[in-house]
Amino acid sequence: MEVEYNTITGWPSEVIEEIIEDIDEKHYPGFWRGLGQVVRGDFTLEWMAGMTTDPDNRARQYGDDYDYMEVVYVTSSYDNAVAVEQGIIDGYIDEDDNDNQRGGGGGRIADDPDSHYVYIVYSTG
């Protein structure tokens, strides 16, 4: 899986809108641009937001389930990372192509990590 780092940092209340606008621009482009993406074969089919302390390792754990990971946020604060992940999930939980079944992760947190990352994984067609 390809991992791309397009991270921003800051208070969740100040960055979540920018992250959501970026998701909208890339993956909810409107009818005509979306039609062009379908024709080119790069339309997003499914995606999911998550949080980790090691994006490269987490990408390997997905195996063949997803094709691409974009790391969108980095912070030293676990609570800030949770708030950004939850903001993304809450904004798109009712979309058919969002694979998040619920907010919040189920994984184990590494002991005293330096950084927490919020990412989005995509399965493309």
N, C-alpha and C. Protein backbone atom coordinates (compact mmCIF):
# COMPACT_ATOMS: atom_id res chain seq x y z
N MET A 1 0.84 -1.17 0.00
CA MET A 1 0.00 0.00 0.00
C MET A 1 0.89 1.24 0.00
N GLU A 2 0.53 2.18 -0.84
CA GLU A 2 1.23 3.46 -0.88
C GLU A 2 0.79 4.31 0.30
N VAL A 3 1.76 4.94 0.99
CA VAL A 3 1.47 5.85 2.10
C VAL A 3 1.96 7.23 1.72
N GLU A 4 1.05 8.20 1.76
CA GLU A 4 1.40 9.58 1.44
C GLU A 4 1.16 10.44 2.67
N TYR A 5 2.16 11.25 3.01
CA TYR A 5 2.06 12.13 4.18
C TYR A 5 1.68 13.54 3.71
N ASN A 6 0.45 13.95 3.99
CA ASN A 6 -0.03 15.31 3.73
C ASN A 6 -0.52 15.87 5.05
N THR A 7 0.35 15.85 6.05
CA THR A 7 -0.08 16.15 7.41
C THR A 7 -0.13 17.64 7.69
N ILE A 8 -1.09 17.96 8.52
CA ILE A 8 -1.14 19.28 9.13
C ILE A 8 -1.19 19.04 10.63
N THR A 9 -0.94 20.07 11.40
CA THR A 9 -1.00 19.96 12.84
C THR A 9 -1.69 21.20 13.38
N GLY A 10 -2.12 21.15 14.59
CA GLY A 10 -2.80 22.27 15.21
C GLY A 10 -3.95 21.78 16.06
N TRP A 11 -4.66 22.72 16.65
CA TRP A 11 -5.82 22.37 17.47
C TRP A 11 -6.90 21.77 16.59
N PRO A 12 -7.54 20.71 17.03
CA PRO A 12 -8.58 20.07 16.21
C PRO A 12 -9.63 21.05 15.70
N SER A 13 -10.07 21.96 16.53
CA SER A 13 -11.10 22.91 16.11
C SER A 13 -10.63 23.82 14.98
N GLU A 14 -9.32 23.95 14.83
CA GLU A 14 -8.77 24.82 13.80
C GLU A 14 -8.41 24.09 12.51
N VAL A 15 -8.28 22.76 12.56
CA VAL A 15 -7.82 22.02 11.37
C VAL A 15 -8.84 21.07 10.78
N ILE A 16 -9.86 20.67 11.55
CA ILE A 16 -10.79 19.66 11.05
C ILE A 16 -11.51 20.14 9.80
N GLU A 17 -11.89 21.40 9.75
CA GLU A 17 -12.59 21.91 8.57
C GLU A 17 -11.71 21.82 7.32
N GLU A 18 -10.42 22.14 7.46
CA GLU A 18 -9.49 22.05 6.33
C GLU A 18 -9.34 20.61 5.85
N ILE A 19 -9.25 19.67 6.79
CA ILE A 19 -9.13 18.26 6.42
C ILE A 19 -10.39 17.79 5.69
N ILE A 20 -11.55 18.16 6.19
CA ILE A 20 -12.81 17.75 5.56
C ILE A 20 -12.95 18.38 4.18
N GLU A 21 -12.55 19.64 4.03
CA GLU A 21 -12.59 20.28 2.71
C GLU A 21 -11.69 19.53 1.72
N ASP A 22 -10.54 19.07 2.18
CA ASP A 22 -9.63 18.32 1.32
C ASP A 22 -10.25 16.98 0.91
N ILE A 23 -10.91 16.30 1.84
CA ILE A 23 -11.60 15.06 1.51
C ILE A 23 -12.69 15.33 0.48
N ASP A 24 -13.47 16.38 0.71
CA ASP A 24 -14.54 16.73 -0.24
C ASP A 24 -13.99 17.00 -1.63
N GLU A 25 -12.92 17.77 -1.69
CA GLU A 25 -12.34 18.13 -2.99
C GLU A 25 -11.83 16.91 -3.74
N LYS A 26 -11.18 16.00 -3.02
CA LYS A 26 -10.58 14.83 -3.67
C LYS A 26 -11.60 13.73 -3.97
N HIS A 27 -12.58 13.56 -3.12
CA HIS A 27 -13.39 12.35 -3.19
C HIS A 27 -14.88 12.58 -3.30
N TYR A 28 -15.33 13.81 -3.24
CA TYR A 28 -16.73 14.15 -3.47
C TYR A 28 -16.74 15.36 -4.41
N PRO A 29 -16.27 15.17 -5.64
CA PRO A 29 -15.95 16.30 -6.52
C PRO A 29 -17.12 16.91 -7.29
N GLY A 30 -18.29 16.42 -7.15
CA GLY A 30 -19.39 16.91 -7.97
C GLY A 30 -19.58 16.01 -9.19
N PHE A 31 -20.68 16.15 -9.85
CA PHE A 31 -21.06 15.22 -10.91
C PHE A 31 -20.06 15.16 -12.06
N TRP A 32 -19.73 16.29 -12.70
CA TRP A 32 -18.90 16.26 -13.91
C TRP A 32 -17.47 15.82 -13.62
N ARG A 33 -16.90 16.36 -12.56
CA ARG A 33 -15.54 15.93 -12.22
C ARG A 33 -15.54 14.47 -11.80
N GLY A 34 -16.57 14.06 -11.06
CA GLY A 34 -16.69 12.66 -10.66
C GLY A 34 -16.83 11.73 -11.84
N LEU A 35 -17.59 12.15 -12.85
CA LEU A 35 -17.73 11.36 -14.07
C LEU A 35 -16.37 11.19 -14.74
N GLY A 36 -15.58 12.25 -14.77
CA GLY A 36 -14.23 12.16 -15.34
C GLY A 36 -13.36 11.19 -14.57
N GLN A 37 -13.49 11.17 -13.24
CA GLN A 37 -12.72 10.23 -12.43
C GLN A 37 -13.14 8.79 -12.72
N VAL A 38 -14.43 8.57 -12.91
CA VAL A 38 -14.91 7.22 -13.24
C VAL A 38 -14.32 6.77 -14.57
N VAL A 39 -14.35 7.66 -15.56
CA VAL A 39 -13.81 7.34 -16.88
C VAL A 39 -12.32 7.02 -16.80
N ARG A 40 -11.58 7.78 -16.01
CA ARG A 40 -10.13 7.54 -15.85
C ARG A 40 -9.84 6.34 -14.96
N GLY A 41 -10.82 5.88 -14.20
CA GLY A 41 -10.62 4.72 -13.33
C GLY A 41 -10.00 5.05 -12.00
N ASP A 42 -10.08 6.32 -11.54
CA ASP A 42 -9.49 6.65 -10.25
C ASP A 42 -10.53 7.19 -9.27
N PHE A 43 -11.75 6.70 -9.39
CA PHE A 43 -12.82 7.12 -8.49
C PHE A 43 -12.72 6.32 -7.20
N THR A 44 -12.84 6.97 -6.05
CA THR A 44 -12.77 6.29 -4.76
C THR A 44 -14.02 5.45 -4.54
N LEU A 45 -13.83 4.18 -4.22
CA LEU A 45 -14.95 3.31 -3.96
C LEU A 45 -15.28 3.25 -2.47
N GLU A 46 -14.29 3.07 -1.63
CA GLU A 46 -14.50 2.97 -0.19
C GLU A 46 -13.33 3.61 0.53
N TRP A 47 -13.60 4.14 1.72
CA TRP A 47 -12.53 4.73 2.51
C TRP A 47 -12.89 4.61 3.99
N MET A 48 -11.87 4.80 4.83
CA MET A 48 -12.06 4.73 6.27
C MET A 48 -11.01 5.59 6.95
N ALA A 49 -11.41 6.29 7.99
CA ALA A 49 -10.49 7.09 8.80
C ALA A 49 -10.02 6.27 9.98
N GLY A 50 -8.79 6.54 10.42
CA GLY A 50 -8.26 5.84 11.58
C GLY A 50 -7.15 6.62 12.24
N MET A 51 -6.62 6.06 13.31
CA MET A 51 -5.56 6.70 14.07
C MET A 51 -4.50 5.66 14.42
N THR A 52 -3.24 6.07 14.42
CA THR A 52 -2.15 5.15 14.72
C THR A 52 -0.94 5.93 15.23
N THR A 53 0.01 5.22 15.78
CA THR A 53 1.30 5.82 16.13
C THR A 53 2.38 5.46 15.12
N ASP A 54 2.06 4.58 14.18
CA ASP A 54 3.02 4.14 13.17
C ASP A 54 2.29 3.89 11.84
N PRO A 55 2.14 4.93 11.00
CA PRO A 55 1.38 4.77 9.76
C PRO A 55 1.89 3.68 8.83
N ASP A 56 3.20 3.55 8.69
CA ASP A 56 3.72 2.54 7.77
C ASP A 56 3.37 1.13 8.24
N ASN A 57 3.50 0.87 9.53
CA ASN A 57 3.13 -0.43 10.06
C ASN A 57 1.63 -0.67 9.93
N ARG A 58 0.85 0.34 10.21
CA ARG A 58 -0.61 0.21 10.11
C ARG A 58 -1.03 -0.08 8.67
N ALA A 59 -0.38 0.56 7.71
CA ALA A 59 -0.68 0.32 6.30
C ALA A 59 -0.43 -1.15 5.95
N ARG A 60 0.66 -1.72 6.45
CA ARG A 60 0.94 -3.13 6.19
C ARG A 60 -0.13 -4.04 6.79
N GLN A 61 -0.69 -3.65 7.92
CA GLN A 61 -1.70 -4.48 8.58
C GLN A 61 -3.00 -4.57 7.79
N TYR A 62 -3.28 -3.59 6.95
CA TYR A 62 -4.50 -3.64 6.14
C TYR A 62 -4.39 -4.66 5.02
N GLY A 63 -3.19 -5.07 4.67
CA GLY A 63 -3.03 -6.06 3.60
C GLY A 63 -3.61 -5.56 2.29
N ASP A 64 -4.45 -6.37 1.68
CA ASP A 64 -5.07 -6.03 0.39
C ASP A 64 -6.43 -5.34 0.53
N ASP A 65 -6.83 -5.01 1.76
CA ASP A 65 -8.14 -4.41 1.98
C ASP A 65 -8.26 -3.02 1.37
N TYR A 66 -7.17 -2.26 1.39
CA TYR A 66 -7.15 -0.90 0.86
C TYR A 66 -5.91 -0.72 0.00
N ASP A 67 -5.97 0.28 -0.91
CA ASP A 67 -4.88 0.49 -1.86
C ASP A 67 -3.95 1.64 -1.49
N TYR A 68 -4.42 2.58 -0.70
CA TYR A 68 -3.71 3.84 -0.53
C TYR A 68 -4.00 4.40 0.85
N MET A 69 -3.00 4.96 1.52
CA MET A 69 -3.18 5.62 2.81
C MET A 69 -2.68 7.05 2.70
N GLU A 70 -3.50 7.99 3.16
CA GLU A 70 -3.08 9.38 3.24
C GLU A 70 -3.09 9.77 4.72
N VAL A 71 -1.92 10.16 5.23
CA VAL A 71 -1.80 10.61 6.62
C VAL A 71 -2.11 12.10 6.60
N VAL A 72 -3.15 12.51 7.33
CA VAL A 72 -3.66 13.88 7.22
C VAL A 72 -3.39 14.75 8.44
N TYR A 73 -3.02 14.16 9.58
CA TYR A 73 -2.86 14.94 10.81
C TYR A 73 -1.82 14.28 11.69
N VAL A 74 -0.99 15.09 12.35
CA VAL A 74 -0.02 14.58 13.30
C VAL A 74 -0.01 15.49 14.52
N THR A 75 0.11 14.87 15.69
CA THR A 75 0.13 15.61 16.95
C THR A 75 0.83 14.77 18.01
N SER A 76 1.29 15.43 19.05
CA SER A 76 1.85 14.70 20.18
C SER A 76 0.76 14.37 21.19
N SER A 77 -0.45 14.86 20.98
CA SER A 77 -1.56 14.68 21.91
C SER A 77 -2.51 13.59 21.44
N TYR A 78 -2.65 12.56 22.24
CA TYR A 78 -3.61 11.50 21.95
C TYR A 78 -5.02 12.07 21.84
N ASP A 79 -5.39 12.94 22.78
CA ASP A 79 -6.74 13.50 22.79
C ASP A 79 -7.04 14.32 21.53
N ASN A 80 -6.05 15.08 21.04
CA ASN A 80 -6.25 15.85 19.81
C ASN A 80 -6.43 14.93 18.61
N ALA A 81 -5.66 13.86 18.56
CA ALA A 81 -5.79 12.91 17.46
C ALA A 81 -7.17 12.25 17.48
N VAL A 82 -7.64 11.89 18.67
CA VAL A 82 -8.97 11.30 18.79
C VAL A 82 -10.02 12.28 18.30
N ALA A 83 -9.89 13.56 18.66
CA ALA A 83 -10.88 14.57 18.25
C ALA A 83 -10.91 14.74 16.73
N VAL A 84 -9.74 14.74 16.08
CA VAL A 84 -9.69 14.88 14.63
C VAL A 84 -10.27 13.64 13.95
N GLU A 85 -9.87 12.46 14.40
CA GLU A 85 -10.43 11.23 13.83
C GLU A 85 -11.95 11.23 13.98
N GLN A 86 -12.44 11.56 15.16
CA GLN A 86 -13.88 11.56 15.41
C GLN A 86 -14.58 12.60 14.55
N GLY A 87 -13.96 13.76 14.34
CA GLY A 87 -14.55 14.79 13.49
C GLY A 87 -14.71 14.33 12.06
N ILE A 88 -13.72 13.62 11.55
CA ILE A 88 -13.80 13.08 10.19
C ILE A 88 -14.91 12.04 10.10
N ILE A 89 -14.92 11.12 11.05
CA ILE A 89 -15.92 10.05 11.04
C ILE A 89 -17.32 10.63 11.18
N ASP A 90 -17.51 11.56 12.10
CA ASP A 90 -18.83 12.16 12.30
C ASP A 90 -19.32 12.88 11.05
N GLY A 91 -18.39 13.49 10.32
CA GLY A 91 -18.77 14.23 9.12
C GLY A 91 -19.22 13.35 7.98
N TYR A 92 -18.84 12.07 7.99
CA TYR A 92 -19.12 11.20 6.85
C TYR A 92 -19.74 9.86 7.24
N ILE A 93 -20.16 9.69 8.47
CA ILE A 93 -20.61 8.38 8.93
C ILE A 93 -21.80 7.86 8.13
N ASP A 94 -22.62 8.73 7.57
CA ASP A 94 -23.79 8.29 6.82
C ASP A 94 -23.53 8.08 5.33
N GLU A 95 -22.31 8.34 4.87
CA GLU A 95 -21.98 8.15 3.45
C GLU A 95 -21.79 6.66 3.17
N ASP A 96 -22.31 6.19 2.05
CA ASP A 96 -22.23 4.77 1.71
C ASP A 96 -20.80 4.28 1.53
N ASP A 97 -19.90 5.16 1.07
CA ASP A 97 -18.53 4.72 0.81
C ASP A 97 -17.61 4.83 2.02
N ASN A 98 -18.13 5.25 3.16
CA ASN A 98 -17.35 5.32 4.39
C ASN A 98 -17.44 3.98 5.11
N ASP A 99 -16.30 3.32 5.28
CA ASP A 99 -16.27 2.01 5.92
C ASP A 99 -16.27 2.06 7.44
N ASN A 100 -16.18 3.25 8.05
CA ASN A 100 -16.21 3.35 9.50
C ASN A 100 -17.60 2.93 9.99
N GLN A 101 -17.63 1.90 10.80
CA GLN A 101 -18.90 1.44 11.36
C GLN A 101 -19.30 2.27 12.57
N ARG A 102 -18.30 2.82 13.24
CA ARG A 102 -18.53 3.62 14.44
C ARG A 102 -17.29 4.48 14.66
N GLY A 103 -17.40 5.44 15.53
CA GLY A 103 -16.25 6.25 15.88
C GLY A 103 -15.36 5.53 16.88
N GLY A 104 -14.10 5.89 16.89
CA GLY A 104 -13.18 5.33 17.87
C GLY A 104 -12.54 4.06 17.39
N GLY A 105 -11.31 3.88 17.76
CA GLY A 105 -10.55 2.71 17.34
C GLY A 105 -10.69 1.57 18.32
N GLY A 106 -10.19 0.44 17.91
CA GLY A 106 -10.23 -0.73 18.76
C GLY A 106 -8.85 -1.27 19.05
N GLY A 107 -7.84 -0.57 18.57
CA GLY A 107 -6.48 -1.08 18.70
C GLY A 107 -5.79 -0.67 19.98
N ARG A 108 -4.66 -1.28 20.23
CA ARG A 108 -3.84 -1.00 21.40
C ARG A 108 -2.96 0.21 21.10
N ILE A 109 -2.76 1.08 22.08
CA ILE A 109 -1.90 2.25 21.93
C ILE A 109 -0.48 1.88 22.38
N ALA A 110 0.51 2.27 21.59
CA ALA A 110 1.91 2.01 21.93
C ALA A 110 2.25 2.75 23.23
N ASP A 111 3.19 2.20 23.98
CA ASP A 111 3.62 2.83 25.22
C ASP A 111 4.32 4.15 24.95
N ASP A 112 3.79 5.23 25.48
CA ASP A 112 4.38 6.57 25.44
C ASP A 112 4.88 6.97 24.05
N PRO A 113 4.00 6.98 23.05
CA PRO A 113 4.42 7.36 21.69
C PRO A 113 4.71 8.86 21.61
N ASP A 114 5.61 9.22 20.70
CA ASP A 114 5.94 10.63 20.48
C ASP A 114 4.88 11.32 19.64
N SER A 115 4.30 10.60 18.69
CA SER A 115 3.34 11.20 17.77
C SER A 115 2.14 10.29 17.54
N HIS A 116 1.01 10.93 17.32
CA HIS A 116 -0.22 10.24 16.95
C HIS A 116 -0.61 10.77 15.59
N TYR A 117 -1.00 9.87 14.70
CA TYR A 117 -1.33 10.23 13.32
C TYR A 117 -2.78 9.85 13.04
N VAL A 118 -3.46 10.72 12.28
CA VAL A 118 -4.79 10.39 11.78
C VAL A 118 -4.63 10.19 10.28
N TYR A 119 -5.22 9.12 9.78
CA TYR A 119 -5.05 8.76 8.37
C TYR A 119 -6.39 8.40 7.77
N ILE A 120 -6.39 8.33 6.46
CA ILE A 120 -7.53 7.83 5.71
C ILE A 120 -7.00 6.80 4.74
N VAL A 121 -7.61 5.62 4.73
CA VAL A 121 -7.26 4.58 3.76
C VAL A 121 -8.35 4.52 2.70
N TYR A 122 -7.93 4.24 1.47
CA TYR A 122 -8.84 4.24 0.32
C TYR A 122 -8.72 2.93 -0.44
N SER A 123 -9.85 2.46 -0.91
CA SER A 123 -9.89 1.38 -1.88
C SER A 123 -10.39 2.00 -3.17
N THR A 124 -9.57 1.98 -4.20
CA THR A 124 -9.93 2.65 -5.45
C THR A 124 -10.22 1.62 -6.54
N GLY A 125 -10.97 2.08 -7.51
CA GLY A 125 -11.33 1.19 -8.61
C GLY A 125 -10.62 1.53 -9.85
